[in-house]
PDB file of N, CA and C in Angstrom:
ATOM      1  N   MET A   1       0.843  -1.185   0.000  1.00  0.00           N
ATOM      2  CA  MET A   1       0.000   0.000   0.000  1.00  0.00           C
ATOM      3  C   MET A   1       0.887   1.247   0.000  1.00  0.00           C
ATOM      4  N   GLU A   2       0.659   2.104  -0.932  1.00  0.00           N
ATOM      5  CA  GLU A   2       1.464   3.321  -1.055  1.00  0.00           C
ATOM      6  C   GLU A   2       0.820   4.443  -0.273  1.00  0.00           C
ATOM      7  N   MET A   3       1.623   5.115   0.540  1.00  0.00           N
ATOM      8  CA  MET A   3       1.137   6.259   1.297  1.00  0.00           C
ATOM      9  C   MET A   3       1.845   7.501   0.785  1.00  0.00           C
ATOM     10  N   PHE A   4       1.130   8.575   0.699  1.00  0.00           N
ATOM     11  CA  PHE A   4       1.699   9.801   0.172  1.00  0.00           C
ATOM     12  C   PHE A   4       1.322  10.966   1.073  1.00  0.00           C
ATOM     13  N   PHE A   5       2.337  11.650   1.584  1.00  0.00           N
ATOM     14  CA  PHE A   5       2.136  12.829   2.422  1.00  0.00           C
ATOM     15  C   PHE A   5       2.963  13.967   1.847  1.00  0.00           C
ATOM     16  N   GLU A   6       2.433  15.150   1.894  1.00  0.00           N
ATOM     17  CA  GLU A   6       3.221  16.300   1.466  1.00  0.00           C
ATOM     18  C   GLU A   6       2.875  17.502   2.325  1.00  0.00           C
ATOM     19  N   HIS A   7       3.914  18.064   2.903  1.00  0.00           N
ATOM     20  CA  HIS A   7       3.768  19.306   3.655  1.00  0.00           C
ATOM     21  C   HIS A   7       4.950  20.173   3.259  1.00  0.00           C
ATOM     22  N   THR A   8       4.671  21.318   2.717  1.00  0.00           N
ATOM     23  CA  THR A   8       5.713  22.231   2.274  1.00  0.00           C
ATOM     24  C   THR A   8       5.841  23.367   3.267  1.00  0.00           C
ATOM     25  N   VAL A   9       7.067  23.605   3.696  1.00  0.00           N
ATOM     26  CA  VAL A   9       7.365  24.746   4.572  1.00  0.00           C
ATOM     27  C   VAL A   9       8.552  25.452   3.943  1.00  0.00           C
ATOM     28  N   GLN A  10       8.408  26.729   3.709  1.00  0.00           N
ATOM     29  CA  GLN A  10       9.450  27.485   3.027  1.00  0.00           C
ATOM     30  C   GLN A  10       9.694  28.796   3.761  1.00  0.00           C
ATOM     31  N   ALA A  11      10.954  29.074   4.017  1.00  0.00           N
ATOM     32  CA  ALA A  11      11.331  30.359   4.605  1.00  0.00           C
ATOM     33  C   ALA A  11      12.072  31.143   3.533  1.00  0.00           C
ATOM     34  N   ALA A  12      11.710  32.401   3.359  1.00  0.00           N
ATOM     35  CA  ALA A  12      12.343  33.221   2.326  1.00  0.00           C
ATOM     36  C   ALA A  12      12.402  34.667   2.794  1.00  0.00           C
ATOM     37  N   GLN A  13      13.334  35.394   2.199  1.00  0.00           N
ATOM     38  CA  GLN A  13      13.444  36.812   2.498  1.00  0.00           C
ATOM     39  C   GLN A  13      13.009  37.593   1.272  1.00  0.00           C
ATOM     40  N   GLN A  14      12.081  38.507   1.466  1.00  0.00           N
ATOM     41  CA  GLN A  14      11.623  39.382   0.395  1.00  0.00           C
ATOM     42  C   GLN A  14      11.870  40.807   0.844  1.00  0.00           C
ATOM     43  N   ASP A  15      12.739  41.479   0.107  1.00  0.00           N
ATOM     44  CA  ASP A  15      13.236  42.789   0.513  1.00  0.00           C
ATOM     45  C   ASP A  15      13.881  42.620   1.885  1.00  0.00           C
ATOM     46  N   LYS A  16      13.394  43.298   2.899  1.00  0.00           N
ATOM     47  CA  LYS A  16      13.970  43.139   4.240  1.00  0.00           C
ATOM     48  C   LYS A  16      13.049  42.325   5.141  1.00  0.00           C
ATOM     49  N   LYS A  17      11.997  41.770   4.566  1.00  0.00           N
ATOM     50  CA  LYS A  17      11.000  41.047   5.342  1.00  0.00           C
ATOM     51  C   LYS A  17      11.193  39.538   5.188  1.00  0.00           C
ATOM     52  N   CYS A  18      11.106  38.812   6.289  1.00  0.00           N
ATOM     53  CA  CYS A  18      11.212  37.353   6.285  1.00  0.00           C
ATOM     54  C   CYS A  18       9.803  36.769   6.200  1.00  0.00           C
ATOM     55  N   LEU A  19       9.602  35.858   5.256  1.00  0.00           N
ATOM     56  CA  LEU A  19       8.295  35.249   5.059  1.00  0.00           C
ATOM     57  C   LEU A  19       8.369  33.753   5.314  1.00  0.00           C
ATOM     58  N   LEU A  20       7.288  33.180   5.811  1.00  0.00           N
ATOM     59  CA  LEU A  20       7.186  31.739   6.002  1.00  0.00           C
ATOM     60  C   LEU A  20       5.935  31.280   5.276  1.00  0.00           C
ATOM     61  N   PHE A  21       6.093  30.318   4.389  1.00  0.00           N
ATOM     62  CA  PHE A  21       4.985  29.796   3.600  1.00  0.00           C
ATOM     63  C   PHE A  21       4.767  28.343   3.986  1.00  0.00           C
ATOM     64  N   GLU A  22       3.522  27.948   4.155  1.00  0.00           N
ATOM     65  CA  GLU A  22       3.161  26.581   4.510  1.00  0.00           C
ATOM     66  C   GLU A  22       2.010  26.121   3.646  1.00  0.00           C
ATOM     67  N   SER A  23       2.052  24.867   3.194  1.00  0.00           N
ATOM     68  CA  SER A  23       0.898  24.286   2.515  1.00  0.00           C
ATOM     69  C   SER A  23       0.888  22.788   2.782  1.00  0.00           C
ATOM     70  N   GLY A  24      -0.284  22.209   2.733  1.00  0.00           N
ATOM     71  CA  GLY A  24      -0.424  20.780   2.986  1.00  0.00           C
ATOM     72  C   GLY A  24      -0.676  20.492   4.456  1.00  0.00           C
ATOM     73  N   THR A  25      -0.786  19.217   4.758  1.00  0.00           N
ATOM     74  CA  THR A  25      -1.048  18.768   6.114  1.00  0.00           C
ATOM     75  C   THR A  25       0.262  18.463   6.825  1.00  0.00           C
ATOM     76  N   PRO A  26       0.504  19.054   7.995  1.00  0.00           N
ATOM     77  CA  PRO A  26       1.744  18.780   8.727  1.00  0.00           C
ATOM     78  C   PRO A  26       1.865  17.303   9.096  1.00  0.00           C
ATOM     79  N   LEU A  27       3.102  16.828   9.142  1.00  0.00           N
ATOM     80  CA  LEU A  27       3.371  15.473   9.580  1.00  0.00           C
ATOM     81  C   LEU A  27       3.181  15.390  11.090  1.00  0.00           C
ATOM     82  N   VAL A  28       2.864  14.217  11.583  1.00  0.00           N
ATOM     83  CA  VAL A  28       2.693  14.023  13.026  1.00  0.00           C
ATOM     84  C   VAL A  28       3.975  14.394  13.757  1.00  0.00           C
ATOM     85  N   GLU A  29       5.130  14.146  13.138  1.00  0.00           N
ATOM     86  CA  GLU A  29       6.423  14.402  13.766  1.00  0.00           C
ATOM     87  C   GLU A  29       6.793  15.886  13.829  1.00  0.00           C
ATOM     88  N   GLU A  30       6.080  16.726  13.120  1.00  0.00           N
ATOM     89  CA  GLU A  30       6.407  18.158  13.095  1.00  0.00           C
ATOM     90  C   GLU A  30       5.869  18.875  14.326  1.00  0.00           C
ATOM     91  N   ASP A  31       6.649  19.788  14.839  1.00  0.00           N
ATOM     92  CA  ASP A  31       6.206  20.669  15.908  1.00  0.00           C
ATOM     93  C   ASP A  31       5.803  21.985  15.247  1.00  0.00           C
ATOM     94  N   ILE A  32       4.552  22.080  14.844  1.00  0.00           N
ATOM     95  CA  ILE A  32       4.111  23.241  14.065  1.00  0.00           C
ATOM     96  C   ILE A  32       4.070  24.530  14.881  1.00  0.00           C
ATOM     97  N   GLN A  33       4.125  24.431  16.204  1.00  0.00           N
ATOM     98  CA  GLN A  33       4.171  25.640  17.032  1.00  0.00           C
ATOM     99  C   GLN A  33       5.458  26.428  16.788  1.00  0.00           C
ATOM    100  N   LEU A  34       6.520  25.717  16.360  1.00  0.00           N
ATOM    101  CA  LEU A  34       7.794  26.394  16.088  1.00  0.00           C
ATOM    102  C   LEU A  34       7.668  27.382  14.924  1.00  0.00           C
ATOM    103  N   TYR A  35       6.743  27.137  14.006  1.00  0.00           N
ATOM    104  CA  TYR A  35       6.564  28.038  12.866  1.00  0.00           C
ATOM    105  C   TYR A  35       5.922  29.359  13.271  1.00  0.00           C
ATOM    106  N   LYS A  36       5.522  29.454  14.536  1.00  0.00           N
ATOM    107  CA  LYS A  36       4.867  30.661  15.016  1.00  0.00           C
ATOM    108  C   LYS A  36       5.694  31.398  16.072  1.00  0.00           C
ATOM    109  N   THR A  37       6.956  30.988  16.267  1.00  0.00           N
ATOM    110  CA  THR A  37       7.778  31.640  17.285  1.00  0.00           C
ATOM    111  C   THR A  37       7.953  33.121  16.965  1.00  0.00           C
ATOM    112  N   ARG A  38       8.187  33.900  17.999  1.00  0.00           N
ATOM    113  CA  ARG A  38       8.283  35.360  17.845  1.00  0.00           C
ATOM    114  C   ARG A  38       9.456  35.756  16.960  1.00  0.00           C
ATOM    115  N   ILE A  39      10.615  35.126  17.162  1.00  0.00           N
ATOM    116  CA  ILE A  39      11.793  35.456  16.358  1.00  0.00           C
ATOM    117  C   ILE A  39      11.725  34.660  15.056  1.00  0.00           C
ATOM    118  N   LYS A  40      11.566  35.354  13.963  1.00  0.00           N
ATOM    119  CA  LYS A  40      11.306  34.706  12.674  1.00  0.00           C
ATOM    120  C   LYS A  40      12.424  33.770  12.229  1.00  0.00           C
ATOM    121  N   ARG A  41      13.686  34.127  12.493  1.00  0.00           N
ATOM    122  CA  ARG A  41      14.782  33.280  12.032  1.00  0.00           C
ATOM    123  C   ARG A  41      14.827  31.947  12.777  1.00  0.00           C
ATOM    124  N   ASP A  42      14.096  31.843  13.891  1.00  0.00           N
ATOM    125  CA  ASP A  42      14.029  30.593  14.645  1.00  0.00           C
ATOM    126  C   ASP A  42      12.904  29.680  14.161  1.00  0.00           C
ATOM    127  N   ARG A  43      12.070  30.164  13.266  1.00  0.00           N
ATOM    128  CA  ARG A  43      10.933  29.368  12.819  1.00  0.00           C
ATOM    129  C   ARG A  43      11.354  28.177  11.968  1.00  0.00           C
ATOM    130  N   LEU A  44      12.289  28.371  11.079  1.00  0.00           N
ATOM    131  CA  LEU A  44      12.768  27.288  10.222  1.00  0.00           C
ATOM    132  C   LEU A  44      14.251  27.524   9.971  1.00  0.00           C
ATOM    133  N   ASN A  45      15.083  26.704  10.572  1.00  0.00           N
ATOM    134  CA  ASN A  45      16.522  26.837  10.401  1.00  0.00           C
ATOM    135  C   ASN A  45      17.143  25.441  10.383  1.00  0.00           C
ATOM    136  N   GLU A  46      18.443  25.370  10.243  1.00  0.00           N
ATOM    137  CA  GLU A  46      19.113  24.067  10.130  1.00  0.00           C
ATOM    138  C   GLU A  46      18.852  23.187  11.346  1.00  0.00           C
ATOM    139  N   GLU A  47      18.872  23.766  12.529  1.00  0.00           N
ATOM    140  CA  GLU A  47      18.637  22.980  13.747  1.00  0.00           C
ATOM    141  C   GLU A  47      17.232  22.375  13.744  1.00  0.00           C
ATOM    142  N   ARG A  48      16.227  23.175  13.385  1.00  0.00           N
ATOM    143  CA  ARG A  48      14.837  22.683  13.344  1.00  0.00           C
ATOM    144  C   ARG A  48      14.678  21.583  12.301  1.00  0.00           C
ATOM    145  N   VAL A  49      15.278  21.767  11.141  1.00  0.00           N
ATOM    146  CA  VAL A  49      15.188  20.756  10.084  1.00  0.00           C
ATOM    147  C   VAL A  49      15.897  19.478  10.527  1.00  0.00           C
ATOM    148  N   SER A  50      17.055  19.606  11.167  1.00  0.00           N
ATOM    149  CA  SER A  50      17.787  18.436  11.668  1.00  0.00           C
ATOM    150  C   SER A  50      16.955  17.666  12.690  1.00  0.00           C
ATOM    151  N   GLN A  51      16.293  18.381  13.577  1.00  0.00           N
ATOM    152  CA  GLN A  51      15.459  17.727  14.590  1.00  0.00           C
ATOM    153  C   GLN A  51      14.300  16.975  13.950  1.00  0.00           C
ATOM    154  N   LEU A  52      13.656  17.588  12.970  1.00  0.00           N
ATOM    155  CA  LEU A  52      12.551  16.920  12.283  1.00  0.00           C
ATOM    156  C   LEU A  52      13.038  15.676  11.545  1.00  0.00           C
ATOM    157  N   LEU A  53      14.148  15.805  10.826  1.00  0.00           N
ATOM    158  CA  LEU A  53      14.685  14.653  10.102  1.00  0.00           C
ATOM    159  C   LEU A  53      15.062  13.528  11.060  1.00  0.00           C
ATOM    160  N   ALA A  54      15.587  13.867  12.236  1.00  0.00           N
ATOM    161  CA  ALA A  54      15.929  12.846  13.232  1.00  0.00           C
ATOM    162  C   ALA A  54      14.669  12.126  13.715  1.00  0.00           C
ATOM    163  N   ARG A  55      13.591  12.882  13.939  1.00  0.00           N
ATOM    164  CA  ARG A  55      12.333  12.251  14.358  1.00  0.00           C
ATOM    165  C   ARG A  55      11.781  11.344  13.263  1.00  0.00           C
ATOM    166  N   LEU A  56      12.111  11.630  12.020  1.00  0.00           N
ATOM    167  CA  LEU A  56      11.672  10.797  10.893  1.00  0.00           C
ATOM    168  C   LEU A  56      12.641   9.649  10.621  1.00  0.00           C
ATOM    169  N   GLY A  57      13.723   9.578  11.413  1.00  0.00           N
ATOM    170  CA  GLY A  57      14.686   8.494  11.262  1.00  0.00           C
ATOM    171  C   GLY A  57      15.766   8.763  10.238  1.00  0.00           C
ATOM    172  N   SER A  58      15.980  10.016   9.903  1.00  0.00           N
ATOM    173  CA  SER A  58      16.967  10.387   8.895  1.00  0.00           C
ATOM    174  C   SER A  58      18.057  11.246   9.517  1.00  0.00           C
ATOM    175  N   SER A  59      19.270  11.106   9.025  1.00  0.00           N
ATOM    176  CA  SER A  59      20.386  11.914   9.536  1.00  0.00           C
ATOM    177  C   SER A  59      21.348  12.255   8.397  1.00  0.00           C
ATOM    178  N   PRO A  60      20.964  13.155   7.502  1.00  0.00           N
ATOM    179  CA  PRO A  60      21.791  13.462   6.332  1.00  0.00           C
ATOM    180  C   PRO A  60      23.121  14.138   6.646  1.00  0.00           C
ATOM    181  N   TRP A  61      23.362  14.515   7.906  1.00  0.00           N
ATOM    182  CA  TRP A  61      24.638  15.126   8.261  1.00  0.00           C
ATOM    183  C   TRP A  61      25.635  14.080   8.771  1.00  0.00           C
ATOM    184  N   SER A  62      25.279  12.798   8.683  1.00  0.00           N
ATOM    185  CA  SER A  62      26.211  11.752   9.092  1.00  0.00           C
ATOM    186  C   SER A  62      26.578  10.894   7.881  1.00  0.00           C
ATOM    187  N   GLU A  63      27.786  10.372   7.861  1.00  0.00           N
ATOM    188  CA  GLU A  63      28.253   9.566   6.728  1.00  0.00           C
ATOM    189  C   GLU A  63      27.440   8.295   6.565  1.00  0.00           C
ATOM    190  N   GLU A  64      26.966   7.706   7.658  1.00  0.00           N
ATOM    191  CA  GLU A  64      26.195   6.472   7.586  1.00  0.00           C
ATOM    192  C   GLU A  64      24.916   6.640   6.773  1.00  0.00           C
ATOM    193  N   PHE A  65      24.395   7.840   6.727  1.00  0.00           N
ATOM    194  CA  PHE A  65      23.173   8.110   5.967  1.00  0.00           C
ATOM    195  C   PHE A  65      23.364   7.779   4.481  1.00  0.00           C
ATOM    196  N   TYR A  66      24.590   7.924   3.997  1.00  0.00           N
ATOM    197  CA  TYR A  66      24.871   7.737   2.582  1.00  0.00           C
ATOM    198  C   TYR A  66      25.378   6.333   2.260  1.00  0.00           C
ATOM    199  N   ASP A  67      25.167   5.369   3.163  1.00  0.00           N
ATOM    200  CA  ASP A  67      25.526   3.973   2.944  1.00  0.00           C
ATOM    201  C   ASP A  67      24.397   3.315   2.151  1.00  0.00           C
ATOM    202  N   PHE A  68      24.558   3.246   0.836  1.00  0.00           N
ATOM    203  CA  PHE A  68      23.494   2.742  -0.023  1.00  0.00           C
ATOM    204  C   PHE A  68      23.489   1.223  -0.145  1.00  0.00           C
ATOM    205  N   SER A  69      24.291   0.535   0.672  1.00  0.00           N
ATOM    206  CA  SER A  69      24.229  -0.923   0.685  1.00  0.00           C
ATOM    207  C   SER A  69      23.016  -1.389   1.493  1.00  0.00           C
ATOM    208  N   LYS A  70      22.418  -0.485   2.283  1.00  0.00           N
ATOM    209  CA  LYS A  70      21.220  -0.789   3.068  1.00  0.00           C
ATOM    210  C   LYS A  70      19.985  -0.424   2.238  1.00  0.00           C
ATOM    211  N   PRO A  71      18.827  -0.963   2.604  1.00  0.00           N
ATOM    212  CA  PRO A  71      17.592  -0.568   1.909  1.00  0.00           C
ATOM    213  C   PRO A  71      17.349   0.935   2.059  1.00  0.00           C
ATOM    214  N   ILE A  72      16.845   1.549   1.016  1.00  0.00           N
ATOM    215  CA  ILE A  72      16.567   2.979   1.045  1.00  0.00           C
ATOM    216  C   ILE A  72      15.123   3.226   0.635  1.00  0.00           C
ATOM    217  N   PHE A  73      14.627   4.386   0.963  1.00  0.00           N
ATOM    218  CA  PHE A  73      13.299   4.801   0.556  1.00  0.00           C
ATOM    219  C   PHE A  73      13.449   5.798  -0.583  1.00  0.00           C
ATOM    220  N   VAL A  74      12.559   5.725  -1.528  1.00  0.00           N
ATOM    221  CA  VAL A  74      12.566   6.663  -2.640  1.00  0.00           C
ATOM    222  C   VAL A  74      11.355   7.567  -2.498  1.00  0.00           C
ATOM    223  N   ILE A  75      11.612   8.843  -2.505  1.00  0.00           N
ATOM    224  CA  ILE A  75      10.527   9.818  -2.434  1.00  0.00           C
ATOM    225  C   ILE A  75      10.417  10.463  -3.808  1.00  0.00           C
ATOM    226  N   GLN A  76       9.251  10.376  -4.379  1.00  0.00           N
ATOM    227  CA  GLN A  76       9.038  10.960  -5.701  1.00  0.00           C
ATOM    228  C   GLN A  76       8.006  12.061  -5.598  1.00  0.00           C
ATOM    229  N   LYS A  77       8.295  13.146  -6.236  1.00  0.00           N
ATOM    230  CA  LYS A  77       7.373  14.270  -6.270  1.00  0.00           C
ATOM    231  C   LYS A  77       6.367  14.020  -7.387  1.00  0.00           C
ATOM    232  N   ARG A  78       5.121  13.922  -7.075  1.00  0.00           N
ATOM    233  CA  ARG A  78       4.093  13.627  -8.068  1.00  0.00           C
ATOM    234  C   ARG A  78       3.872  14.803  -9.023  1.00  0.00           C
ATOM    235  N   MET A  79       3.777  15.980  -8.456  1.00  0.00           N
ATOM    236  CA  MET A  79       3.607  17.181  -9.270  1.00  0.00           C
ATOM    237  C   MET A  79       4.141  18.365  -8.485  1.00  0.00           C
ATOM    238  N   LYS A  80       4.590  19.362  -9.200  1.00  0.00           N
ATOM    239  CA  LYS A  80       5.154  20.521  -8.509  1.00  0.00           C
ATOM    240  C   LYS A  80       4.031  21.378  -7.929  1.00  0.00           C
ATOM    241  N   PRO A  81       4.306  22.032  -6.805  1.00  0.00           N
ATOM    242  CA  PRO A  81       3.300  22.922  -6.220  1.00  0.00           C
ATOM    243  C   PRO A  81       3.035  24.105  -7.140  1.00  0.00           C
ATOM    244  N   PRO A  82       1.854  24.687  -7.069  1.00  0.00           N
ATOM    245  CA  PRO A  82       1.523  25.808  -7.953  1.00  0.00           C
ATOM    246  C   PRO A  82       2.376  27.048  -7.699  1.00  0.00           C
ATOM    247  N   THR A  83       3.100  27.081  -6.604  1.00  0.00           N
ATOM    248  CA  THR A  83       3.933  28.245  -6.302  1.00  0.00           C
ATOM    249  C   THR A  83       5.268  28.208  -7.042  1.00  0.00           C
ATOM    250  N   ILE A  84       5.602  27.076  -7.666  1.00  0.00           N
ATOM    251  CA  ILE A  84       6.858  26.946  -8.405  1.00  0.00           C
ATOM    252  C   ILE A  84       6.663  27.487  -9.819  1.00  0.00           C
ATOM    253  N   VAL A  85       7.506  28.426 -10.195  1.00  0.00           N
ATOM    254  CA  VAL A  85       7.450  29.010 -11.531  1.00  0.00           C
ATOM    255  C   VAL A  85       8.592  28.425 -12.353  1.00  0.00           C
ATOM    256  N   THR A  86       8.292  27.915 -13.520  1.00  0.00           N
ATOM    257  CA  THR A  86       9.337  27.383 -14.388  1.00  0.00           C
ATOM    258  C   THR A  86       9.472  28.265 -15.621  1.00  0.00           C
ATOM    259  N   ARG A  87      10.710  28.392 -16.068  1.00  0.00           N
ATOM    260  CA  ARG A  87      10.972  29.184 -17.270  1.00  0.00           C
ATOM    261  C   ARG A  87      11.897  28.396 -18.182  1.00  0.00           C
ATOM    262  N   ASN A  88      11.829  28.683 -19.470  1.00  0.00           N
ATOM    263  CA  ASN A  88      12.725  28.048 -20.426  1.00  0.00           C
ATOM    264  C   ASN A  88      14.140  28.569 -20.234  1.00  0.00           C
ATOM    265  N   ARG A  89      15.098  27.719 -20.520  1.00  0.00           N
ATOM    266  CA  ARG A  89      16.507  28.103 -20.388  1.00  0.00           C
ATOM    267  C   ARG A  89      16.823  29.332 -21.233  1.00  0.00           C
ATOM    268  N   LYS A  90      16.325  29.375 -22.462  1.00  0.00           N
ATOM    269  CA  LYS A  90      16.635  30.516 -23.337  1.00  0.00           C
ATOM    270  C   LYS A  90      16.050  31.821 -22.823  1.00  0.00           C
ATOM    271  N   ASP A  91      14.958  31.738 -22.066  1.00  0.00           N
ATOM    272  CA  ASP A  91      14.353  32.942 -21.499  1.00  0.00           C
ATOM    273  C   ASP A  91      15.184  33.497 -20.343  1.00  0.00           C
ATOM    274  N   VAL A  92      15.925  32.623 -19.683  1.00  0.00           N
ATOM    275  CA  VAL A  92      16.729  33.017 -18.540  1.00  0.00           C
ATOM    276  C   VAL A  92      18.127  33.451 -18.982  1.00  0.00           C
ATOM    277  N   LEU A  93      18.720  32.684 -19.894  1.00  0.00           N
ATOM    278  CA  LEU A  93      20.082  32.960 -20.355  1.00  0.00           C
ATOM    279  C   LEU A  93      20.049  33.774 -21.643  1.00  0.00           C
ATOM    280  N   VAL A  94      20.030  35.062 -21.495  1.00  0.00           N
ATOM    281  CA  VAL A  94      20.038  35.942 -22.655  1.00  0.00           C
ATOM    282  C   VAL A  94      21.348  36.711 -22.672  1.00  0.00           C
ATOM    283  N   LYS A  95      21.843  36.973 -23.856  1.00  0.00           N
ATOM    284  CA  LYS A  95      23.084  37.742 -23.974  1.00  0.00           C
ATOM    285  C   LYS A  95      22.815  39.196 -23.655  1.00  0.00           C
ATOM    286  N   GLY A  96      23.688  39.775 -22.823  1.00  0.00           N
ATOM    287  CA  GLY A  96      23.484  41.141 -22.390  1.00  0.00           C
ATOM    288  C   GLY A  96      24.289  42.057 -23.139  1.00  0.00           C
TER     289      GLY A  96
END
Protein backbone atom coordinates (compact mmCIF):
# COMPACT_ATOMS: atom_id res chain seq x y z
CA MET A 1 0.00 0.00 0.00
CA GLU A 2 1.46 3.32 -1.06
CA MET A 3 1.14 6.26 1.30
CA PHE A 4 1.70 9.80 0.17
CA PHE A 5 2.14 12.83 2.42
CA GLU A 6 3.22 16.30 1.47
CA HIS A 7 3.77 19.31 3.66
CA THR A 8 5.71 22.23 2.27
CA VAL A 9 7.37 24.75 4.57
CA GLN A 10 9.45 27.48 3.03
CA ALA A 11 11.33 30.36 4.60
CA ALA A 12 12.34 33.22 2.33
CA GLN A 13 13.44 36.81 2.50
CA GLN A 14 11.62 39.38 0.40
CA ASP A 15 13.24 42.79 0.51
CA LYS A 16 13.97 43.14 4.24
CA LYS A 17 11.00 41.05 5.34
CA CYS A 18 11.21 37.35 6.28
CA LEU A 19 8.30 35.25 5.06
CA LEU A 20 7.19 31.74 6.00
CA PHE A 21 4.98 29.80 3.60
CA GLU A 22 3.16 26.58 4.51
CA SER A 23 0.90 24.29 2.51
CA GLY A 24 -0.42 20.78 2.99
CA THR A 25 -1.05 18.77 6.11
CA PRO A 26 1.74 18.78 8.73
CA LEU A 27 3.37 15.47 9.58
CA VAL A 28 2.69 14.02 13.03
CA GLU A 29 6.42 14.40 13.77
CA GLU A 30 6.41 18.16 13.09
CA ASP A 31 6.21 20.67 15.91
CA ILE A 32 4.11 23.24 14.07
CA GLN A 33 4.17 25.64 17.03
CA LEU A 34 7.79 26.39 16.09
CA TYR A 35 6.56 28.04 12.87
CA LYS A 36 4.87 30.66 15.02
CA THR A 37 7.78 31.64 17.28
CA ARG A 38 8.28 35.36 17.85
CA ILE A 39 11.79 35.46 16.36
CA LYS A 40 11.31 34.71 12.67
CA ARG A 41 14.78 33.28 12.03
CA ASP A 42 14.03 30.59 14.65
CA ARG A 43 10.93 29.37 12.82
CA LEU A 44 12.77 27.29 10.22
CA ASN A 45 16.52 26.84 10.40
CA GLU A 46 19.11 24.07 10.13
CA GLU A 47 18.64 22.98 13.75
CA ARG A 48 14.84 22.68 13.34
CA VAL A 49 15.19 20.76 10.08
CA SER A 50 17.79 18.44 11.67
CA GLN A 51 15.46 17.73 14.59
CA LEU A 52 12.55 16.92 12.28
CA LEU A 53 14.68 14.65 10.10
CA ALA A 54 15.93 12.85 13.23
CA ARG A 55 12.33 12.25 14.36
CA LEU A 56 11.67 10.80 10.89
CA GLY A 57 14.69 8.49 11.26
CA SER A 58 16.97 10.39 8.90
CA SER A 59 20.39 11.91 9.54
CA PRO A 60 21.79 13.46 6.33
CA TRP A 61 24.64 15.13 8.26
CA SER A 62 26.21 11.75 9.09
CA GLU A 63 28.25 9.57 6.73
CA GLU A 64 26.20 6.47 7.59
CA PHE A 65 23.17 8.11 5.97
CA TYR A 66 24.87 7.74 2.58
CA ASP A 67 25.53 3.97 2.94
CA PHE A 68 23.49 2.74 -0.02
CA SER A 69 24.23 -0.92 0.68
CA LYS A 70 21.22 -0.79 3.07
CA PRO A 71 17.59 -0.57 1.91
CA ILE A 72 16.57 2.98 1.04
CA PHE A 73 13.30 4.80 0.56
CA VAL A 74 12.57 6.66 -2.64
CA ILE A 75 10.53 9.82 -2.43
CA GLN A 76 9.04 10.96 -5.70
CA LYS A 77 7.37 14.27 -6.27
CA ARG A 78 4.09 13.63 -8.07
CA MET A 79 3.61 17.18 -9.27
CA LYS A 80 5.15 20.52 -8.51
CA PRO A 81 3.30 22.92 -6.22
CA PRO A 82 1.52 25.81 -7.95
CA THR A 83 3.93 28.25 -6.30
CA ILE A 84 6.86 26.95 -8.40
CA VAL A 85 7.45 29.01 -11.53
CA THR A 86 9.34 27.38 -14.39
CA ARG A 87 10.97 29.18 -17.27
CA ASN A 88 12.72 28.05 -20.43
CA ARG A 89 16.51 28.10 -20.39
CA LYS A 90 16.63 30.52 -23.34
CA ASP A 91 14.35 32.94 -21.50
CA VAL A 92 16.73 33.02 -18.54
CA LEU A 93 20.08 32.96 -20.35
CA VAL A 94 20.04 35.94 -22.66
CA LYS A 95 23.08 37.74 -23.97
CA GLY A 96 23.48 41.14 -22.39
